[in-house]
Protein backbone atom coordinates (compact mmCIF):
# COMPACT_ATOMS: atom_id res chain seq x y z
CA MET A 1 36.16 54.55 -266.89
CA LYS A 2 37.14 57.52 -265.53
CA ARG A 3 33.69 57.51 -263.50
CA PHE A 4 34.72 54.06 -262.38
CA PHE A 5 38.69 54.98 -261.14
CA GLY A 6 37.43 57.81 -260.06
CA LEU A 7 34.63 56.36 -257.30
CA ILE A 8 37.83 53.23 -257.08
CA LEU A 9 39.79 56.41 -255.43
CA LEU A 10 37.22 58.21 -253.42
CA VAL A 11 36.18 54.66 -252.06
CA SER A 12 39.94 53.88 -251.45
CA SER A 13 40.22 57.30 -249.83
CA PHE A 14 37.20 56.73 -247.39
CA ALA A 15 38.73 53.96 -247.06
CA LEU A 16 42.44 54.88 -246.06
CA ASN A 17 40.67 58.01 -243.49
CA ALA A 18 38.93 55.18 -241.86
CA GLN A 19 42.03 53.24 -241.09
CA SER A 20 43.87 56.73 -240.11
CA ASN A 21 40.90 57.37 -237.89
CA THR A 22 40.91 53.91 -236.47
CA ASP A 23 44.46 54.51 -235.55
CA LEU A 24 44.49 57.95 -234.55
CA VAL A 25 41.84 56.78 -231.25
CA LYS A 26 44.26 53.74 -230.38
CA HIS A 27 47.25 55.95 -230.25
CA PHE A 28 45.16 58.82 -228.16
CA GLU A 29 43.83 55.49 -225.99
CA ALA A 30 46.99 54.76 -225.70
CA TYR A 31 48.15 57.95 -224.95
CA TYR A 32 45.39 59.09 -222.16
CA LYS A 33 46.08 56.27 -220.27
CA GLN A 34 49.97 56.79 -220.14
CA MET A 35 49.33 60.62 -218.28
CA LYS A 36 47.18 58.37 -216.20
CA ALA A 37 49.82 56.78 -214.81
CA GLN A 38 52.10 59.44 -214.88
CA GLY A 39 49.55 61.71 -213.02
CA ASP A 40 49.57 64.48 -215.40
CA ILE A 41 46.38 66.34 -215.64
CA GLN A 42 46.87 67.97 -218.58
CA GLY A 43 48.09 65.75 -220.50
CA ILE A 44 44.80 63.49 -219.18
CA ILE A 45 43.14 66.52 -220.34
CA ASN A 46 44.57 67.18 -223.79
CA GLY A 47 44.13 62.92 -224.56
CA MET A 48 40.44 62.92 -223.58
CA THR A 49 39.52 65.85 -225.75
CA HIS A 50 41.73 64.20 -228.82
CA LEU A 51 39.56 61.16 -228.09
CA ASN A 52 36.29 62.86 -227.63
CA LEU A 53 36.70 64.88 -230.92
CA LEU A 54 38.14 61.67 -232.46
CA ALA A 55 35.10 59.30 -231.91
CA PRO A 56 32.65 61.21 -229.47
CA LEU A 57 31.14 60.12 -226.68
CA GLN A 58 28.54 61.18 -223.90
CA GLN A 59 30.88 59.59 -221.32
CA ARG A 60 34.26 61.16 -222.39
CA LYS A 61 32.80 64.31 -222.78
CA ASP A 62 31.23 64.29 -219.06
CA THR A 63 34.44 62.83 -217.71
CA LEU A 64 36.32 65.48 -219.88
CA ALA A 65 34.42 68.25 -217.82
CA TYR A 66 34.98 66.56 -214.86
CA LEU A 67 38.51 66.77 -215.07
CA TYR A 68 38.16 70.08 -216.12
CA ALA A 69 36.26 70.93 -212.80
CA SER A 70 38.63 68.84 -210.38
CA GLU A 71 40.98 71.60 -211.25
CA GLY A 72 39.00 74.46 -210.50
CA ARG A 73 38.75 75.28 -214.29
CA TYR A 74 34.73 75.93 -213.89
CA MET A 75 33.77 77.74 -217.09
CA GLN A 76 35.93 75.01 -220.06
CA ALA A 77 33.35 72.65 -217.48
CA LEU A 78 30.61 73.51 -218.55
CA ASN A 79 32.12 74.38 -222.27
CA THR A 80 32.52 70.90 -222.78
CA ILE A 81 28.85 69.29 -221.14
CA GLY A 82 26.35 72.87 -221.25
CA ILE A 83 24.22 74.19 -218.84
CA GLU A 84 21.10 72.40 -219.86
CA LYS A 85 18.59 70.13 -218.10
CA SER A 86 18.51 67.23 -219.69
CA ALA A 87 16.79 64.12 -218.07
CA SER A 88 19.74 61.15 -219.48
CA ASP A 89 22.65 63.73 -217.79
CA SER A 90 25.16 61.80 -215.61
CA ASP A 91 25.22 61.43 -212.16
CA ILE A 92 29.24 62.91 -212.82
CA ALA A 93 27.47 65.74 -215.18
CA LEU A 94 24.84 66.69 -212.69
CA GLU A 95 27.66 66.88 -210.19
CA VAL A 96 30.10 69.06 -212.63
CA LYS A 97 27.32 70.92 -212.98
CA ALA A 98 25.73 71.58 -209.65
CA LEU A 99 29.30 72.88 -208.91
CA SER A 100 30.81 74.50 -211.11
CA LEU A 101 27.67 76.84 -211.39
CA LYS A 102 28.25 77.18 -207.82
CA SER A 103 31.62 78.09 -207.87
CA LEU A 104 30.93 80.74 -210.92
CA LYS A 105 28.24 82.08 -208.01
CA GLN A 106 25.40 81.02 -210.62
CA VAL A 107 23.46 80.02 -206.83
CA ASP A 108 20.24 79.91 -208.78
CA LEU A 109 21.21 77.31 -211.68
CA ALA A 110 23.32 76.13 -208.85
CA ILE A 111 20.25 74.90 -206.87
CA GLY A 112 18.63 73.18 -209.39
CA PHE A 113 21.41 71.11 -210.36
CA PHE A 114 21.64 69.79 -206.72
CA ASP A 115 17.81 69.96 -206.27
CA GLU A 116 18.77 67.30 -208.88
CA ILE A 117 21.43 65.26 -207.91
CA PHE A 118 18.91 64.61 -204.29
CA LYS A 119 15.86 63.79 -206.41
CA ARG A 120 18.32 60.69 -207.27
CA LYS A 121 20.15 59.93 -204.32
CA PRO A 122 19.28 62.26 -201.46
CA SER A 123 22.53 62.39 -198.69
CA ALA A 124 23.02 64.79 -196.05
CA VAL A 125 26.08 65.86 -197.79
CA VAL A 126 24.34 67.15 -200.73
CA ALA A 127 21.19 68.38 -198.53
CA TYR A 128 24.28 71.26 -196.59
CA GLU A 129 24.65 72.19 -200.13
CA LEU A 130 21.01 73.12 -200.75
CA ALA A 131 20.74 74.54 -197.51
CA GLU A 132 23.74 76.60 -197.72
CA LEU A 133 22.86 78.04 -201.85
CA SER A 134 18.93 79.16 -200.38
CA LEU A 135 20.23 81.18 -197.27
CA GLN A 136 22.68 82.77 -199.61
CA THR A 137 19.81 82.84 -201.81
CA LYS A 138 17.11 83.86 -198.47
CA LYS A 139 14.44 81.21 -199.15
CA MET A 140 14.36 80.31 -195.16
CA ALA A 141 12.24 77.60 -195.76
CA GLU A 142 14.01 75.63 -198.72
CA ALA A 143 17.05 76.17 -196.10
CA GLU A 144 14.69 75.13 -193.22
CA LYS A 145 13.54 71.95 -195.05
CA HIS A 146 16.92 70.44 -195.78
CA VAL A 147 18.78 71.97 -192.59
CA ALA A 148 16.63 69.06 -190.84
CA TYR A 149 17.14 67.07 -193.40
CA GLY A 150 20.54 66.65 -192.67
CA LEU A 151 20.56 67.16 -188.82
CA ALA A 152 18.40 64.10 -189.26
CA ASN A 153 20.55 62.23 -191.10
CA ALA A 154 24.30 63.11 -190.89
CA LYS A 155 26.47 60.46 -189.58
CA ALA A 156 29.02 60.59 -186.92
CA ASP A 157 31.78 59.99 -189.72
CA MET A 158 31.00 62.52 -192.03
CA LYS A 159 33.00 65.36 -192.45
CA LYS A 160 32.62 69.78 -193.09
CA ALA A 161 36.09 71.53 -194.18
CA TYR A 162 36.23 74.68 -193.96
CA TYR A 163 38.86 77.71 -195.67
CA GLU A 164 38.25 81.54 -193.53
CA THR A 165 41.75 80.75 -191.88
CA GLN A 166 44.92 79.53 -193.04
CA THR A 167 44.95 76.55 -192.19
CA PRO A 168 41.86 74.89 -193.11
CA TYR A 169 40.08 72.85 -190.72
CA GLU A 170 37.33 70.15 -190.53
CA VAL A 171 34.51 69.97 -188.10
CA SER A 172 31.47 67.26 -188.00
CA LEU A 173 28.84 67.79 -190.66
CA LYS A 174 25.64 67.26 -187.89
CA ALA A 175 27.89 70.53 -186.67
CA ALA A 176 28.37 72.72 -189.99
CA PHE A 177 24.36 71.33 -190.41
CA MET A 178 24.10 73.06 -186.23
CA TYR A 179 25.41 76.62 -188.04
CA LEU A 180 23.27 76.76 -190.77
CA ASN A 181 20.50 76.20 -188.32
CA ALA A 182 21.21 78.57 -186.19
CA LEU A 183 21.83 80.99 -189.33
CA VAL A 184 18.38 80.07 -190.26
CA VAL A 185 17.05 81.40 -186.76
CA TYR A 186 18.94 84.36 -186.92
CA ASN A 187 17.14 85.66 -190.51
CA LYS A 188 14.06 85.02 -189.83
CA ASP A 189 14.16 87.29 -187.23
CA THR A 190 17.08 89.29 -187.04
CA LYS A 191 16.65 91.03 -183.58
CA ALA A 192 14.32 89.09 -181.80
CA ASN A 193 16.13 86.23 -182.81
CA ILE A 194 19.49 86.72 -181.58
CA ASP A 195 19.67 85.12 -178.39
CA ALA A 196 18.03 81.71 -179.71
CA ALA A 197 20.71 82.00 -182.59
CA VAL A 198 23.48 82.73 -179.93
CA ASP A 199 22.35 79.55 -178.03
CA ILE A 200 22.66 77.69 -180.91
CA LEU A 201 26.19 78.54 -181.52
CA ASP A 202 26.77 77.78 -178.23
CA ASP A 203 26.01 73.90 -178.83
CA THR A 204 28.33 74.38 -182.33
CA LEU A 205 30.93 75.02 -179.52
CA LYS A 206 31.04 72.30 -177.58
CA THR A 207 30.48 69.41 -179.84
CA ALA A 208 33.29 71.31 -182.37
CA PRO A 209 35.30 73.62 -180.10
CA ASN A 210 37.76 74.12 -183.27
CA PHE A 211 34.65 75.74 -185.05
CA ASN A 212 35.83 78.88 -186.21
CA LEU A 213 33.68 80.12 -188.50
CA VAL A 214 31.21 79.65 -186.03
CA GLN A 215 32.98 81.39 -183.40
CA LEU A 216 32.95 84.61 -185.62
CA THR A 217 29.37 84.64 -185.48
CA LYS A 218 28.94 84.45 -182.44
CA ASN A 219 30.61 87.42 -182.04
CA GLU A 220 28.74 89.40 -184.45
CA LEU A 221 25.56 88.13 -183.21
CA LEU A 222 26.47 89.62 -179.79
CA ARG A 223 27.57 93.03 -181.05
CA GLN A 224 24.93 93.88 -182.65
CA LYS A 225 22.97 92.86 -179.83
CA GLN A 226 24.80 95.25 -178.07
CA VAL A 227 23.96 98.06 -180.70
CA LEU A 228 20.74 97.40 -180.37
CA GLN A 229 20.38 97.74 -176.18
CA GLU A 230 22.40 100.59 -176.83
CA GLN A 231 20.15 102.67 -178.83
CA ALA A 232 16.53 101.38 -176.94
CA THR A 233 18.85 102.62 -174.01
CA LYS A 234 19.49 106.12 -175.87
CA LYS A 235 15.95 106.40 -176.44
């Protein structure tokens, strides 16, 4: 008889816990919805964290990681979804991993995820990321390939933002690819190709006169050219 009553109490406990868990899920779903309505990002993160604990779903985990990444909390984003590659990764998960790893200077790892994004849905925007990262890692053939794709596929309404000045500015994505093309040409031979790179930079400035980074790069290349000429004269 004692065992029978013990079994009843155990079953009742499971039922109460299940009911309690369901109520908690409903509560935090309402909480999450309210935080979204108020635009409270930390509240949204808290709500999604509780939902992910109470009723784990990969979609919720991806959303939570995306929220962290959108706030610049890249380590938390990666701690949420990891850095492993998986064929089952959602598009959001790939984007979070790629951008977070790039922001944390894990360039080689970031390239792998940008590559996967590009395979799923090729775009000039992703090609720019790949070209830029390939330049950073001195993978000139890869950089050249992605620059060529970008120059051929960048649309007139696509923009690229730059932040090296106190006031951020935008240029056309095609102008951004022209700039990367100049860097590719220069890096193939940093002495013989200065003039060719400067010519591309000049063409870029014609299409985007406000492209400050191009002007800075051009000035630096001309300075290098002058140094080389002075060294040659001394010889």
